[in-house]
């Protein structure tokens, strides 16, 4: 009998070990509701998105000009909204629902909804943190002294915007649970993302990239069994709490 060369056996062993690790990770994700549904290995945004504009590019200069224009026109109300939208949670979407439903869209009454969207936020971070490090774009206020943020500064990198990614992802998933209010929910998601520019902490191109990233994550999640299972459970609980038909 011909023996398999040692190097080849080792290569097969490494391959099987890698597959086993991926399998165990999938089992762990399904069993632990605090783990992200997917990660950067499942969706590598560097493959699907263009890099950020260079610091000395015309696009970055145009981004900065847009931000300076907003600095000169933003109102106290705009700043207050941008500051409130620092919170990355689904309850910031309450005002996208009809007034009569808003009291029932309640964090205390819907712990499963809160936990599910927390898991989406963890998923967002798992997918976009590696590309942020890869592209390493500085925040606008770190590049230009002309930018004066109106809300809390971040010590993370700029591209893509994590808040814009989270807001878009939350909006798409919530709109799929409540399709009767899809337009208002998606519009709120767009406002949530834009508030990063209003607040002076992200370039417009960061926000555009974040909205694309959130959309790509939402699409990838459609193929994840654990996500689909938990989505169905949470959707049913949410619609029951809002007294909407199944």
C-alpha atoms as a PDB file:
ATOM      1  CA  UNK A   1       0.000   0.000   0.000  1.00  0.00           C
ATOM      2  CA  UNK A   2       1.349   3.407  -0.936  1.00  0.00           C
ATOM      3  CA  UNK A   3       1.846   5.650   2.083  1.00  0.00           C
ATOM      4  CA  UNK A   4       0.719   9.284   2.040  1.00  0.00           C
ATOM      5  CA  UNK A   5       3.763  11.575   2.377  1.00  0.00           C
ATOM      6  CA  UNK A   6       4.140  13.146   5.821  1.00  0.00           C
ATOM      7  CA  UNK A   7       3.830  16.693   4.490  1.00  0.00           C
ATOM      8  CA  UNK A   8       0.585  15.834   2.723  1.00  0.00           C
ATOM      9  CA  UNK A   9      -0.827  14.141   5.828  1.00  0.00           C
ATOM     10  CA  UNK A  10       0.013  17.218   7.847  1.00  0.00           C
ATOM     11  CA  UNK A  11      -1.705  19.426   5.293  1.00  0.00           C
ATOM     12  CA  UNK A  12      -4.843  17.276   5.440  1.00  0.00           C
ATOM     13  CA  UNK A  13      -4.710  17.373   9.251  1.00  0.00           C
ATOM     14  CA  UNK A  14      -4.450  21.166   9.226  1.00  0.00           C
ATOM     15  CA  UNK A  15      -7.380  21.377   6.800  1.00  0.00           C
ATOM     16  CA  UNK A  16      -9.556  19.107   8.930  1.00  0.00           C
ATOM     17  CA  UNK A  17      -8.585  21.054  12.054  1.00  0.00           C
ATOM     18  CA  UNK A  18      -9.579  24.307  10.385  1.00  0.00           C
ATOM     19  CA  UNK A  19     -12.908  22.864   9.278  1.00  0.00           C
ATOM     20  CA  UNK A  20     -13.538  21.515  12.772  1.00  0.00           C
ATOM     21  CA  UNK A  21     -12.809  24.930  14.280  1.00  0.00           C
ATOM     22  CA  UNK A  22     -15.242  26.582  11.885  1.00  0.00           C
ATOM     23  CA  UNK A  23     -17.855  23.968  12.730  1.00  0.00           C
ATOM     24  CA  UNK A  24     -17.363  24.464  16.461  1.00  0.00           C
ATOM     25  CA  UNK A  25     -17.573  28.243  15.998  1.00  0.00           C
ATOM     26  CA  UNK A  26     -20.876  27.803  14.190  1.00  0.00           C
ATOM     27  CA  UNK A  27     -22.197  25.603  17.014  1.00  0.00           C
ATOM     28  CA  UNK A  28     -21.006  28.116  19.610  1.00  0.00           C
ATOM     29  CA  UNK A  29     -22.701  30.989  17.794  1.00  0.00           C
ATOM     30  CA  UNK A  30     -25.950  29.072  17.617  1.00  0.00           C
ATOM     31  CA  UNK A  31     -25.794  28.155  21.312  1.00  0.00           C
ATOM     32  CA  UNK A  32     -24.601  31.463  22.767  1.00  0.00           C
ATOM     33  CA  UNK A  33     -27.034  34.347  22.103  1.00  0.00           C
ATOM     34  CA  UNK A  34     -24.371  36.908  23.015  1.00  0.00           C
ATOM     35  CA  UNK A  35     -22.029  35.934  20.157  1.00  0.00           C
ATOM     36  CA  UNK A  36     -22.207  37.638  16.750  1.00  0.00           C
ATOM     37  CA  UNK A  37     -24.214  35.818  14.111  1.00  0.00           C
ATOM     38  CA  UNK A  38     -21.392  36.249  11.574  1.00  0.00           C
ATOM     39  CA  UNK A  39     -17.942  37.789  11.502  1.00  0.00           C
ATOM     40  CA  UNK A  40     -15.312  39.181   9.158  1.00  0.00           C
ATOM     41  CA  UNK A  41     -14.432  35.661   7.957  1.00  0.00           C
ATOM     42  CA  UNK A  42     -18.006  35.304   6.684  1.00  0.00           C
ATOM     43  CA  UNK A  43     -18.183  38.756   5.089  1.00  0.00           C
ATOM     44  CA  UNK A  44     -14.892  40.435   4.206  1.00  0.00           C
ATOM     45  CA  UNK A  45     -15.897  44.014   3.389  1.00  0.00           C
ATOM     46  CA  UNK A  46     -12.455  44.781   1.985  1.00  0.00           C
ATOM     47  CA  UNK A  47     -13.411  42.567  -0.979  1.00  0.00           C
ATOM     48  CA  UNK A  48     -16.698  44.332  -1.677  1.00  0.00           C
ATOM     49  CA  UNK A  49     -16.148  47.988  -0.845  1.00  0.00           C
ATOM     50  CA  UNK A  50     -13.919  50.672  -2.297  1.00  0.00           C
ATOM     51  CA  UNK A  51     -11.187  52.077  -0.024  1.00  0.00           C
ATOM     52  CA  UNK A  52     -11.756  55.458   1.617  1.00  0.00           C
ATOM     53  CA  UNK A  53     -10.611  58.597  -0.213  1.00  0.00           C
ATOM     54  CA  UNK A  54      -7.015  59.580   0.488  1.00  0.00           C
ATOM     55  CA  UNK A  55      -6.481  62.279   3.108  1.00  0.00           C
ATOM     56  CA  UNK A  56      -5.211  64.720   0.465  1.00  0.00           C
ATOM     57  CA  UNK A  57      -7.835  63.862  -2.173  1.00  0.00           C
ATOM     58  CA  UNK A  58     -10.460  66.155  -3.680  1.00  0.00           C
ATOM     59  CA  UNK A  59     -13.158  63.877  -2.205  1.00  0.00           C
ATOM     60  CA  UNK A  60     -11.849  64.329   1.326  1.00  0.00           C
ATOM     61  CA  UNK A  61     -11.652  68.091   0.780  1.00  0.00           C
ATOM     62  CA  UNK A  62     -15.274  68.052  -0.422  1.00  0.00           C
ATOM     63  CA  UNK A  63     -16.252  65.980   2.646  1.00  0.00           C
ATOM     64  CA  UNK A  64     -14.595  68.518   4.938  1.00  0.00           C
ATOM     65  CA  UNK A  65     -16.288  71.432   3.149  1.00  0.00           C
ATOM     66  CA  UNK A  66     -19.667  69.736   3.662  1.00  0.00           C
ATOM     67  CA  UNK A  67     -18.932  69.261   7.356  1.00  0.00           C
ATOM     68  CA  UNK A  68     -17.803  72.859   7.811  1.00  0.00           C
ATOM     69  CA  UNK A  69     -21.009  74.005   6.131  1.00  0.00           C
ATOM     70  CA  UNK A  70     -23.029  71.934   8.596  1.00  0.00           C
ATOM     71  CA  UNK A  71     -21.052  73.366  11.506  1.00  0.00           C
ATOM     72  CA  UNK A  72     -22.227  76.804  10.485  1.00  0.00           C
ATOM     73  CA  UNK A  73     -25.889  75.857  10.127  1.00  0.00           C
ATOM     74  CA  UNK A  74     -26.668  73.090  12.625  1.00  0.00           C
ATOM     75  CA  UNK A  75     -29.197  74.014  15.279  1.00  0.00           C
ATOM     76  CA  UNK A  76     -29.402  73.067  18.946  1.00  0.00           C
ATOM     77  CA  UNK A  77     -32.137  70.611  18.048  1.00  0.00           C
ATOM     78  CA  UNK A  78     -29.949  68.967  15.390  1.00  0.00           C
ATOM     79  CA  UNK A  79     -27.098  68.678  17.874  1.00  0.00           C
ATOM     80  CA  UNK A  80     -29.405  67.207  20.518  1.00  0.00           C
ATOM     81  CA  UNK A  81     -30.650  64.578  18.054  1.00  0.00           C
ATOM     82  CA  UNK A  82     -27.126  63.702  16.953  1.00  0.00           C
ATOM     83  CA  UNK A  83     -26.038  63.385  20.574  1.00  0.00           C
ATOM     84  CA  UNK A  84     -28.993  61.137  21.439  1.00  0.00           C
ATOM     85  CA  UNK A  85     -28.197  58.948  18.425  1.00  0.00           C
ATOM     86  CA  UNK A  86     -24.822  58.043  19.920  1.00  0.00           C
ATOM     87  CA  UNK A  87     -26.766  55.199  21.549  1.00  0.00           C
ATOM     88  CA  UNK A  88     -26.609  52.189  19.238  1.00  0.00           C
ATOM     89  CA  UNK A  89     -29.896  50.548  20.123  1.00  0.00           C
ATOM     90  CA  UNK A  90     -33.160  49.853  18.384  1.00  0.00           C
ATOM     91  CA  UNK A  91     -35.148  51.998  20.806  1.00  0.00           C
ATOM     92  CA  UNK A  92     -33.868  55.082  18.966  1.00  0.00           C
ATOM     93  CA  UNK A  93     -36.349  54.005  16.256  1.00  0.00           C
ATOM     94  CA  UNK A  94     -39.390  54.527  18.462  1.00  0.00           C
ATOM     95  CA  UNK A  95     -40.307  57.772  16.710  1.00  0.00           C
ATOM     96  CA  UNK A  96     -40.505  55.948  13.370  1.00  0.00           C
ATOM     97  CA  UNK A  97     -43.640  54.168  14.598  1.00  0.00           C
ATOM     98  CA  UNK A  98     -47.142  55.612  14.803  1.00  0.00           C
ATOM     99  CA  UNK A  99     -47.785  57.562  17.995  1.00  0.00           C
ATOM    100  CA  UNK A 100     -50.303  55.022  19.292  1.00  0.00           C
ATOM    101  CA  UNK A 101     -47.717  52.199  19.039  1.00  0.00           C
ATOM    102  CA  UNK A 102     -44.798  54.046  20.598  1.00  0.00           C
ATOM    103  CA  UNK A 103     -45.705  53.349  24.263  1.00  0.00           C
ATOM    104  CA  UNK A 104     -45.848  49.601  23.511  1.00  0.00           C
ATOM    105  CA  UNK A 105     -42.446  49.641  21.784  1.00  0.00           C
ATOM    106  CA  UNK A 106     -40.856  49.369  25.208  1.00  0.00           C
ATOM    107  CA  UNK A 107     -37.480  47.967  26.231  1.00  0.00           C
ATOM    108  CA  UNK A 108     -38.748  46.618  29.569  1.00  0.00           C
ATOM    109  CA  UNK A 109     -41.638  44.810  27.916  1.00  0.00           C
ATOM    110  CA  UNK A 110     -39.494  43.379  25.102  1.00  0.00           C
ATOM    111  CA  UNK A 111     -36.249  41.988  26.558  1.00  0.00           C
ATOM    112  CA  UNK A 112     -35.941  39.488  23.711  1.00  0.00           C
ATOM    113  CA  UNK A 113     -36.018  42.330  21.184  1.00  0.00           C
ATOM    114  CA  UNK A 114     -33.359  44.212  23.144  1.00  0.00           C
ATOM    115  CA  UNK A 115     -31.105  41.138  23.320  1.00  0.00           C
ATOM    116  CA  UNK A 116     -31.570  40.347  19.628  1.00  0.00           C
ATOM    117  CA  UNK A 117     -30.602  43.819  18.487  1.00  0.00           C
ATOM    118  CA  UNK A 118     -27.660  43.811  20.901  1.00  0.00           C
ATOM    119  CA  UNK A 119     -26.509  40.684  19.083  1.00  0.00           C
ATOM    120  CA  UNK A 120     -26.885  42.510  15.773  1.00  0.00           C
ATOM    121  CA  UNK A 121     -24.678  45.280  17.155  1.00  0.00           C
ATOM    122  CA  UNK A 122     -22.058  42.677  18.120  1.00  0.00           C
ATOM    123  CA  UNK A 123     -22.327  41.271  14.601  1.00  0.00           C
ATOM    124  CA  UNK A 124     -21.772  44.724  13.129  1.00  0.00           C
ATOM    125  CA  UNK A 125     -18.596  45.168  15.174  1.00  0.00           C
ATOM    126  CA  UNK A 126     -17.282  41.707  14.282  1.00  0.00           C
ATOM    127  CA  UNK A 127     -17.666  42.467  10.574  1.00  0.00           C
ATOM    128  CA  UNK A 128     -16.451  46.070  10.330  1.00  0.00           C
ATOM    129  CA  UNK A 129     -13.712  46.326  12.961  1.00  0.00           C
ATOM    130  CA  UNK A 130     -11.082  44.510  10.840  1.00  0.00           C
ATOM    131  CA  UNK A 131     -11.768  46.690   7.740  1.00  0.00           C
ATOM    132  CA  UNK A 132     -11.577  49.813   9.910  1.00  0.00           C
ATOM    133  CA  UNK A 133      -8.104  48.763  11.008  1.00  0.00           C
ATOM    134  CA  UNK A 134      -7.144  47.777   7.462  1.00  0.00           C
ATOM    135  CA  UNK A 135      -8.149  51.104   5.911  1.00  0.00           C
ATOM    136  CA  UNK A 136      -7.026  53.129   8.950  1.00  0.00           C
ATOM    137  CA  UNK A 137      -8.734  56.387   7.996  1.00  0.00           C
ATOM    138  CA  UNK A 138      -8.342  59.090  10.643  1.00  0.00           C
ATOM    139  CA  UNK A 139     -11.365  60.909  12.016  1.00  0.00           C
ATOM    140  CA  UNK A 140     -12.091  64.255  10.326  1.00  0.00           C
ATOM    141  CA  UNK A 141     -11.231  66.233  13.467  1.00  0.00           C
ATOM    142  CA  UNK A 142      -7.879  64.416  13.611  1.00  0.00           C
ATOM    143  CA  UNK A 143      -7.135  65.497  10.052  1.00  0.00           C
ATOM    144  CA  UNK A 144      -8.430  69.063  10.046  1.00  0.00           C
ATOM    145  CA  UNK A 145      -8.464  71.598  12.885  1.00  0.00           C
ATOM    146  CA  UNK A 146     -11.403  73.257  11.132  1.00  0.00           C
ATOM    147  CA  UNK A 147     -13.681  70.426  12.253  1.00  0.00           C
ATOM    148  CA  UNK A 148     -15.173  71.046  15.689  1.00  0.00           C
ATOM    149  CA  UNK A 149     -17.428  68.144  16.764  1.00  0.00           C
ATOM    150  CA  UNK A 150     -20.666  69.018  18.511  1.00  0.00           C
ATOM    151  CA  UNK A 151     -20.971  65.583  20.125  1.00  0.00           C
ATOM    152  CA  UNK A 152     -18.648  63.185  21.933  1.00  0.00           C
ATOM    153  CA  UNK A 153     -15.476  62.334  20.021  1.00  0.00           C
ATOM    154  CA  UNK A 154     -14.638  58.718  19.251  1.00  0.00           C
ATOM    155  CA  UNK A 155     -11.214  57.134  19.683  1.00  0.00           C
ATOM    156  CA  UNK A 156     -11.805  54.623  16.887  1.00  0.00           C
ATOM    157  CA  UNK A 157     -11.038  54.892  13.185  1.00  0.00           C
ATOM    158  CA  UNK A 158     -13.361  56.495  10.695  1.00  0.00           C
ATOM    159  CA  UNK A 159     -14.157  54.260   7.696  1.00  0.00           C
ATOM    160  CA  UNK A 160     -16.739  52.858   7.479  1.00  0.00           C
ATOM    161  CA  UNK A 161     -18.909  54.538  10.112  1.00  0.00           C
ATOM    162  CA  UNK A 162     -19.902  51.996  12.741  1.00  0.00           C
ATOM    163  CA  UNK A 163     -22.985  53.977  13.727  1.00  0.00           C
ATOM    164  CA  UNK A 164     -24.131  54.272  10.107  1.00  0.00           C
ATOM    165  CA  UNK A 165     -23.578  50.532   9.690  1.00  0.00           C
ATOM    166  CA  UNK A 166     -25.527  49.751  12.859  1.00  0.00           C
ATOM    167  CA  UNK A 167     -28.334  52.180  12.044  1.00  0.00           C
ATOM    168  CA  UNK A 168     -28.767  50.761   8.552  1.00  0.00           C
ATOM    169  CA  UNK A 169     -28.650  47.170   9.768  1.00  0.00           C
ATOM    170  CA  UNK A 170     -31.145  47.828  12.560  1.00  0.00           C
ATOM    171  CA  UNK A 171     -33.446  49.709  10.186  1.00  0.00           C
ATOM    172  CA  UNK A 172     -33.484  46.916   7.599  1.00  0.00           C
ATOM    173  CA  UNK A 173     -34.111  44.181  10.170  1.00  0.00           C
ATOM    174  CA  UNK A 174     -36.766  46.172  12.055  1.00  0.00           C
ATOM    175  CA  UNK A 175     -38.477  47.067   8.772  1.00  0.00           C
ATOM    176  CA  UNK A 176     -38.586  43.360   7.893  1.00  0.00           C
ATOM    177  CA  UNK A 177     -40.343  42.735  11.209  1.00  0.00           C
ATOM    178  CA  UNK A 178     -42.738  45.653  10.722  1.00  0.00           C
ATOM    179  CA  UNK A 179     -43.183  46.002   6.952  1.00  0.00           C
ATOM    180  CA  UNK A 180     -46.264  48.199   7.461  1.00  0.00           C
ATOM    181  CA  UNK A 181     -43.893  50.959   8.587  1.00  0.00           C
ATOM    182  CA  UNK A 182     -40.928  50.150   6.342  1.00  0.00           C
ATOM    183  CA  UNK A 183     -40.607  53.575   4.719  1.00  0.00           C
ATOM    184  CA  UNK A 184     -40.602  55.473   8.020  1.00  0.00           C
ATOM    185  CA  UNK A 185     -38.163  53.021   9.638  1.00  0.00           C
ATOM    186  CA  UNK A 186     -35.700  53.176   6.733  1.00  0.00           C
ATOM    187  CA  UNK A 187     -35.926  56.964   6.681  1.00  0.00           C
ATOM    188  CA  UNK A 188     -35.143  57.018  10.397  1.00  0.00           C
ATOM    189  CA  UNK A 189     -32.151  54.785   9.712  1.00  0.00           C
ATOM    190  CA  UNK A 190     -30.888  57.275   7.127  1.00  0.00           C
ATOM    191  CA  UNK A 191     -31.287  60.150   9.607  1.00  0.00           C
ATOM    192  CA  UNK A 192     -29.494  58.131  12.284  1.00  0.00           C
ATOM    193  CA  UNK A 193     -26.543  57.640   9.931  1.00  0.00           C
ATOM    194  CA  UNK A 194     -26.484  61.272   8.784  1.00  0.00           C
ATOM    195  CA  UNK A 195     -26.343  62.459  12.389  1.00  0.00           C
ATOM    196  CA  UNK A 196     -22.727  61.304  12.456  1.00  0.00           C
ATOM    197  CA  UNK A 197     -21.933  64.005   9.911  1.00  0.00           C
ATOM    198  CA  UNK A 198     -24.142  66.541  11.696  1.00  0.00           C
ATOM    199  CA  UNK A 199     -22.269  65.835  14.924  1.00  0.00           C
ATOM    200  CA  UNK A 200     -18.921  66.327  13.202  1.00  0.00           C
ATOM    201  CA  UNK A 201     -17.469  62.893  13.932  1.00  0.00           C
ATOM    202  CA  UNK A 202     -17.630  61.258  10.474  1.00  0.00           C
ATOM    203  CA  UNK A 203     -17.047  62.244   6.868  1.00  0.00           C
ATOM    204  CA  UNK A 204     -20.051  61.901   4.528  1.00  0.00           C
ATOM    205  CA  UNK A 205     -18.111  59.176   2.690  1.00  0.00           C
ATOM    206  CA  UNK A 206     -17.759  57.263   5.987  1.00  0.00           C
ATOM    207  CA  UNK A 207     -21.522  57.332   6.365  1.00  0.00           C
ATOM    208  CA  UNK A 208     -22.145  56.251   2.771  1.00  0.00           C
ATOM    209  CA  UNK A 209     -19.767  53.334   3.312  1.00  0.00           C
ATOM    210  CA  UNK A 210     -21.463  52.473   6.597  1.00  0.00           C
ATOM    211  CA  UNK A 211     -24.866  52.362   4.940  1.00  0.00           C
ATOM    212  CA  UNK A 212     -23.486  50.004   2.303  1.00  0.00           C
ATOM    213  CA  UNK A 213     -21.823  47.860   4.987  1.00  0.00           C
ATOM    214  CA  UNK A 214     -25.065  47.616   6.968  1.00  0.00           C
ATOM    215  CA  UNK A 215     -26.926  46.551   3.843  1.00  0.00           C
ATOM    216  CA  UNK A 216     -24.315  43.888   2.995  1.00  0.00           C
ATOM    217  CA  UNK A 217     -24.461  42.500   6.535  1.00  0.00           C
ATOM    218  CA  UNK A 218     -28.255  42.341   6.383  1.00  0.00           C
ATOM    219  CA  UNK A 219     -28.051  40.431   3.092  1.00  0.00           C
ATOM    220  CA  UNK A 220     -25.455  37.998   4.454  1.00  0.00           C
ATOM    221  CA  UNK A 221     -27.572  37.325   7.534  1.00  0.00           C
ATOM    222  CA  UNK A 222     -30.375  36.026   5.327  1.00  0.00           C
ATOM    223  CA  UNK A 223     -28.263  32.877   4.866  1.00  0.00           C
ATOM    224  CA  UNK A 224     -27.571  32.331   8.581  1.00  0.00           C
ATOM    225  CA  UNK A 225     -29.793  29.709  10.242  1.00  0.00           C
ATOM    226  CA  UNK A 226     -29.330  31.027  13.783  1.00  0.00           C
ATOM    227  CA  UNK A 227     -30.263  34.535  12.690  1.00  0.00           C
ATOM    228  CA  UNK A 228     -33.362  33.376  10.824  1.00  0.00           C
ATOM    229  CA  UNK A 229     -34.535  31.281  13.757  1.00  0.00           C
ATOM    230  CA  UNK A 230     -34.098  34.072  16.302  1.00  0.00           C
ATOM    231  CA  UNK A 231     -35.498  36.670  13.895  1.00  0.00           C
ATOM    232  CA  UNK A 232     -38.754  34.714  13.588  1.00  0.00           C
ATOM    233  CA  UNK A 233     -39.086  34.393  17.367  1.00  0.00           C
ATOM    234  CA  UNK A 234     -38.390  38.067  18.023  1.00  0.00           C
ATOM    235  CA  UNK A 235     -40.647  39.220  15.203  1.00  0.00           C
ATOM    236  CA  UNK A 236     -43.547  37.242  16.656  1.00  0.00           C
ATOM    237  CA  UNK A 237     -42.963  38.666  20.147  1.00  0.00           C
ATOM    238  CA  UNK A 238     -42.688  42.231  18.831  1.00  0.00           C
ATOM    239  CA  UNK A 239     -45.820  42.048  16.715  1.00  0.00           C
ATOM    240  CA  UNK A 240     -47.754  40.528  19.617  1.00  0.00           C
ATOM    241  CA  UNK A 241     -46.625  43.332  21.942  1.00  0.00           C
ATOM    242  CA  UNK A 242     -47.631  45.952  19.364  1.00  0.00           C
ATOM    243  CA  UNK A 243     -50.945  44.130  18.823  1.00  0.00           C
ATOM    244  CA  UNK A 244     -50.296  43.678  15.126  1.00  0.00           C
ATOM    245  CA  UNK A 245     -51.450  40.620  13.154  1.00  0.00           C
ATOM    246  CA  UNK A 246     -48.896  37.801  12.777  1.00  0.00           C
END
